[in-house]
Amino acid sequence: MSKIVSTLPGFRPGQAAQPVSGSSGSDVALAEQFFVTQRQVSDVTLMLAEELVGFGTRRWQAQISLMEGLRRCSDLQEAMELQMRFIAETSTAYADEAEQVLRSVRARAMAEGPARQAA
């Protein structure tokens, strides 16, 4: 990090950051690129958070349904069958969620790739 920071124009170790006046065009372009990159990271983070919160909610609902179903079971065999179905459905749900997240990230990257190259 210090190697990168020390190459910044006007950087003096130990000096507090000061507003830049009279910045060159390349300084402004660098700052704008940093802002665009930060915005893209934030957008992806928010997209993933929304997806994972939704997934977590669906998993909690499935867990509640399992508990309700177990209360209605009349014998051990019925309870075991319900739990085995739950485990199979849970495995499928996690695999499907992983695919969905990968598809979302890939689609986002593909959409931003051409936009980045055009800029």
C-alpha atoms as a PDB file:
ATOM      1  CA  MET A   1       0.000   0.000   0.000  1.00  0.00           C
ATOM      2  CA  SER A   2       2.718   2.489   0.934  1.00  0.00           C
ATOM      3  CA  LYS A   3       4.393   1.886  -2.433  1.00  0.00           C
ATOM      4  CA  ILE A   4       1.180   2.841  -4.244  1.00  0.00           C
ATOM      5  CA  VAL A   5       0.372   5.817  -2.018  1.00  0.00           C
ATOM      6  CA  SER A   6       3.908   7.183  -2.184  1.00  0.00           C
ATOM      7  CA  THR A   7       3.642   7.508  -5.968  1.00  0.00           C
ATOM      8  CA  LEU A   8       0.569   9.743  -5.805  1.00  0.00           C
ATOM      9  CA  PRO A   9       1.266  13.324  -6.930  1.00  0.00           C
ATOM     10  CA  GLY A  10       1.694  15.684  -3.986  1.00  0.00           C
ATOM     11  CA  PHE A  11       1.810  12.902  -1.379  1.00  0.00           C
ATOM     12  CA  ARG A  12       4.013  13.590   1.637  1.00  0.00           C
ATOM     13  CA  PRO A  13       4.215  10.907   4.341  1.00  0.00           C
ATOM     14  CA  GLY A  14       2.664  12.042   7.632  1.00  0.00           C
ATOM     15  CA  GLN A  15       0.705  14.889   6.038  1.00  0.00           C
ATOM     16  CA  ALA A  16      -3.074  14.967   6.459  1.00  0.00           C
ATOM     17  CA  ALA A  17      -5.103  14.753   3.272  1.00  0.00           C
ATOM     18  CA  GLN A  18      -5.833  18.150   1.775  1.00  0.00           C
ATOM     19  CA  PRO A  19      -8.379  19.121  -0.847  1.00  0.00           C
ATOM     20  CA  VAL A  20      -6.777  19.177  -4.271  1.00  0.00           C
ATOM     21  CA  SER A  21      -6.968  22.466  -6.101  1.00  0.00           C
ATOM     22  CA  GLY A  22      -5.969  22.900  -9.703  1.00  0.00           C
ATOM     23  CA  SER A  23      -6.069  19.165 -10.363  1.00  0.00           C
ATOM     24  CA  SER A  24      -4.894  18.036 -13.747  1.00  0.00           C
ATOM     25  CA  GLY A  25      -7.217  16.261 -16.137  1.00  0.00           C
ATOM     26  CA  SER A  26      -5.555  12.944 -15.382  1.00  0.00           C
ATOM     27  CA  ASP A  27      -6.184  13.428 -11.633  1.00  0.00           C
ATOM     28  CA  VAL A  28      -9.859  14.053 -12.305  1.00  0.00           C
ATOM     29  CA  ALA A  29     -10.072  11.079 -14.662  1.00  0.00           C
ATOM     30  CA  LEU A  30      -8.426   8.857 -12.043  1.00  0.00           C
ATOM     31  CA  ALA A  31     -10.863  10.068  -9.375  1.00  0.00           C
ATOM     32  CA  GLU A  32     -13.825   9.490 -11.703  1.00  0.00           C
ATOM     33  CA  GLN A  33     -12.612   5.969 -12.525  1.00  0.00           C
ATOM     34  CA  PHE A  34     -12.249   5.231  -8.819  1.00  0.00           C
ATOM     35  CA  PHE A  35     -15.802   6.465  -8.228  1.00  0.00           C
ATOM     36  CA  VAL A  36     -17.164   4.309 -11.068  1.00  0.00           C
ATOM     37  CA  THR A  37     -15.333   1.244  -9.746  1.00  0.00           C
ATOM     38  CA  GLN A  38     -16.553   1.875  -6.195  1.00  0.00           C
ATOM     39  CA  ARG A  39     -20.110   2.269  -7.468  1.00  0.00           C
ATOM     40  CA  GLN A  40     -19.883  -1.038  -9.355  1.00  0.00           C
ATOM     41  CA  VAL A  41     -18.604  -2.824  -6.242  1.00  0.00           C
ATOM     42  CA  SER A  42     -21.428  -1.304  -4.194  1.00  0.00           C
ATOM     43  CA  ASP A  43     -24.024  -2.321  -6.781  1.00  0.00           C
ATOM     44  CA  VAL A  44     -22.806  -5.930  -6.802  1.00  0.00           C
ATOM     45  CA  THR A  45     -22.657  -6.011  -3.003  1.00  0.00           C
ATOM     46  CA  LEU A  46     -26.234  -4.760  -2.732  1.00  0.00           C
ATOM     47  CA  MET A  47     -27.443  -7.199  -5.383  1.00  0.00           C
ATOM     48  CA  LEU A  48     -25.828 -10.115  -3.540  1.00  0.00           C
ATOM     49  CA  ALA A  49     -27.160  -8.948  -0.176  1.00  0.00           C
ATOM     50  CA  GLU A  50     -30.696  -8.741  -1.548  1.00  0.00           C
ATOM     51  CA  GLU A  51     -30.430 -12.203  -3.089  1.00  0.00           C
ATOM     52  CA  LEU A  52     -28.983 -13.791   0.040  1.00  0.00           C
ATOM     53  CA  VAL A  53     -31.487 -12.156   2.394  1.00  0.00           C
ATOM     54  CA  GLY A  54     -34.288 -13.500   0.196  1.00  0.00           C
ATOM     55  CA  PHE A  55     -32.698 -16.935   0.234  1.00  0.00           C
ATOM     56  CA  GLY A  56     -32.304 -16.833   4.015  1.00  0.00           C
ATOM     57  CA  THR A  57     -35.953 -15.873   4.379  1.00  0.00           C
ATOM     58  CA  ARG A  58     -37.043 -18.778   2.190  1.00  0.00           C
ATOM     59  CA  ARG A  59     -34.853 -21.168   4.206  1.00  0.00           C
ATOM     60  CA  TRP A  60     -36.380 -19.984   7.495  1.00  0.00           C
ATOM     61  CA  GLN A  61     -39.862 -20.456   6.049  1.00  0.00           C
ATOM     62  CA  ALA A  62     -38.925 -23.996   4.984  1.00  0.00           C
ATOM     63  CA  GLN A  63     -37.566 -24.708   8.478  1.00  0.00           C
ATOM     64  CA  ILE A  64     -40.812 -23.492  10.044  1.00  0.00           C
ATOM     65  CA  SER A  65     -42.799 -25.672   7.639  1.00  0.00           C
ATOM     66  CA  LEU A  66     -40.678 -28.651   8.635  1.00  0.00           C
ATOM     67  CA  MET A  67     -41.362 -28.055  12.326  1.00  0.00           C
ATOM     68  CA  GLU A  68     -45.096 -27.709  11.650  1.00  0.00           C
ATOM     69  CA  GLY A  69     -45.026 -30.901   9.587  1.00  0.00           C
ATOM     70  CA  LEU A  70     -43.180 -32.824  12.292  1.00  0.00           C
ATOM     71  CA  ARG A  71     -45.864 -31.830  14.796  1.00  0.00           C
ATOM     72  CA  ARG A  72     -48.482 -33.436  12.536  1.00  0.00           C
ATOM     73  CA  CYS A  73     -46.574 -36.713  12.065  1.00  0.00           C
ATOM     74  CA  SER A  74     -48.277 -39.696  13.635  1.00  0.00           C
ATOM     75  CA  ASP A  75     -45.241 -42.003  13.834  1.00  0.00           C
ATOM     76  CA  LEU A  76     -41.457 -42.159  13.562  1.00  0.00           C
ATOM     77  CA  GLN A  77     -41.438 -43.396   9.963  1.00  0.00           C
ATOM     78  CA  GLU A  78     -43.569 -40.471   8.785  1.00  0.00           C
ATOM     79  CA  ALA A  79     -41.288 -38.036  10.634  1.00  0.00           C
ATOM     80  CA  MET A  80     -38.161 -39.609   9.108  1.00  0.00           C
ATOM     81  CA  GLU A  81     -39.639 -39.426   5.601  1.00  0.00           C
ATOM     82  CA  LEU A  82     -40.514 -35.758   6.125  1.00  0.00           C
ATOM     83  CA  GLN A  83     -36.990 -34.999   7.329  1.00  0.00           C
ATOM     84  CA  MET A  84     -35.423 -36.849   4.389  1.00  0.00           C
ATOM     85  CA  ARG A  85     -37.582 -34.832   1.955  1.00  0.00           C
ATOM     86  CA  PHE A  86     -36.558 -31.661   3.775  1.00  0.00           C
ATOM     87  CA  ILE A  87     -32.857 -32.549   3.483  1.00  0.00           C
ATOM     88  CA  ALA A  88     -33.205 -33.324  -0.230  1.00  0.00           C
ATOM     89  CA  GLU A  89     -35.130 -30.097  -0.863  1.00  0.00           C
ATOM     90  CA  THR A  90     -32.588 -28.118   1.170  1.00  0.00           C
ATOM     91  CA  SER A  91     -29.682 -29.537  -0.824  1.00  0.00           C
ATOM     92  CA  THR A  92     -31.443 -28.637  -4.056  1.00  0.00           C
ATOM     93  CA  ALA A  93     -32.279 -25.146  -2.764  1.00  0.00           C
ATOM     94  CA  TYR A  94     -28.643 -24.435  -1.871  1.00  0.00           C
ATOM     95  CA  ALA A  95     -27.408 -25.701  -5.245  1.00  0.00           C
ATOM     96  CA  ASP A  96     -30.040 -23.627  -7.050  1.00  0.00           C
ATOM     97  CA  GLU A  97     -29.112 -20.547  -5.014  1.00  0.00           C
ATOM     98  CA  ALA A  98     -25.426 -20.950  -5.809  1.00  0.00           C
ATOM     99  CA  GLU A  99     -26.289 -21.153  -9.524  1.00  0.00           C
ATOM    100  CA  GLN A 100     -28.545 -18.095  -9.252  1.00  0.00           C
ATOM    101  CA  VAL A 101     -25.838 -16.031  -7.569  1.00  0.00           C
ATOM    102  CA  LEU A 102     -23.273 -17.080 -10.181  1.00  0.00           C
ATOM    103  CA  ARG A 103     -25.685 -16.237 -13.003  1.00  0.00           C
ATOM    104  CA  SER A 104     -26.400 -12.827 -11.480  1.00  0.00           C
ATOM    105  CA  VAL A 105     -22.735 -11.991 -11.009  1.00  0.00           C
ATOM    106  CA  ARG A 106     -21.869 -13.251 -14.497  1.00  0.00           C
ATOM    107  CA  ALA A 107     -24.702 -11.237 -16.083  1.00  0.00           C
ATOM    108  CA  ARG A 108     -23.582  -8.148 -14.189  1.00  0.00           C
ATOM    109  CA  ALA A 109     -19.980  -8.627 -15.293  1.00  0.00           C
ATOM    110  CA  MET A 110     -21.015  -9.163 -18.912  1.00  0.00           C
ATOM    111  CA  ALA A 111     -23.195  -6.049 -18.869  1.00  0.00           C
ATOM    112  CA  GLU A 112     -20.449  -3.908 -17.334  1.00  0.00           C
ATOM    113  CA  GLY A 113     -17.633  -5.313 -19.480  1.00  0.00           C
ATOM    114  CA  PRO A 114     -18.778  -3.699 -22.768  1.00  0.00           C
ATOM    115  CA  ALA A 115     -19.714  -0.489 -20.937  1.00  0.00           C
ATOM    116  CA  ARG A 116     -16.230  -0.316 -19.384  1.00  0.00           C
ATOM    117  CA  GLN A 117     -14.545  -0.943 -22.741  1.00  0.00           C
ATOM    118  CA  ALA A 118     -16.655   1.744 -24.431  1.00  0.00           C
ATOM    119  CA  ALA A 119     -15.684   4.375 -21.849  1.00  0.00           C
END
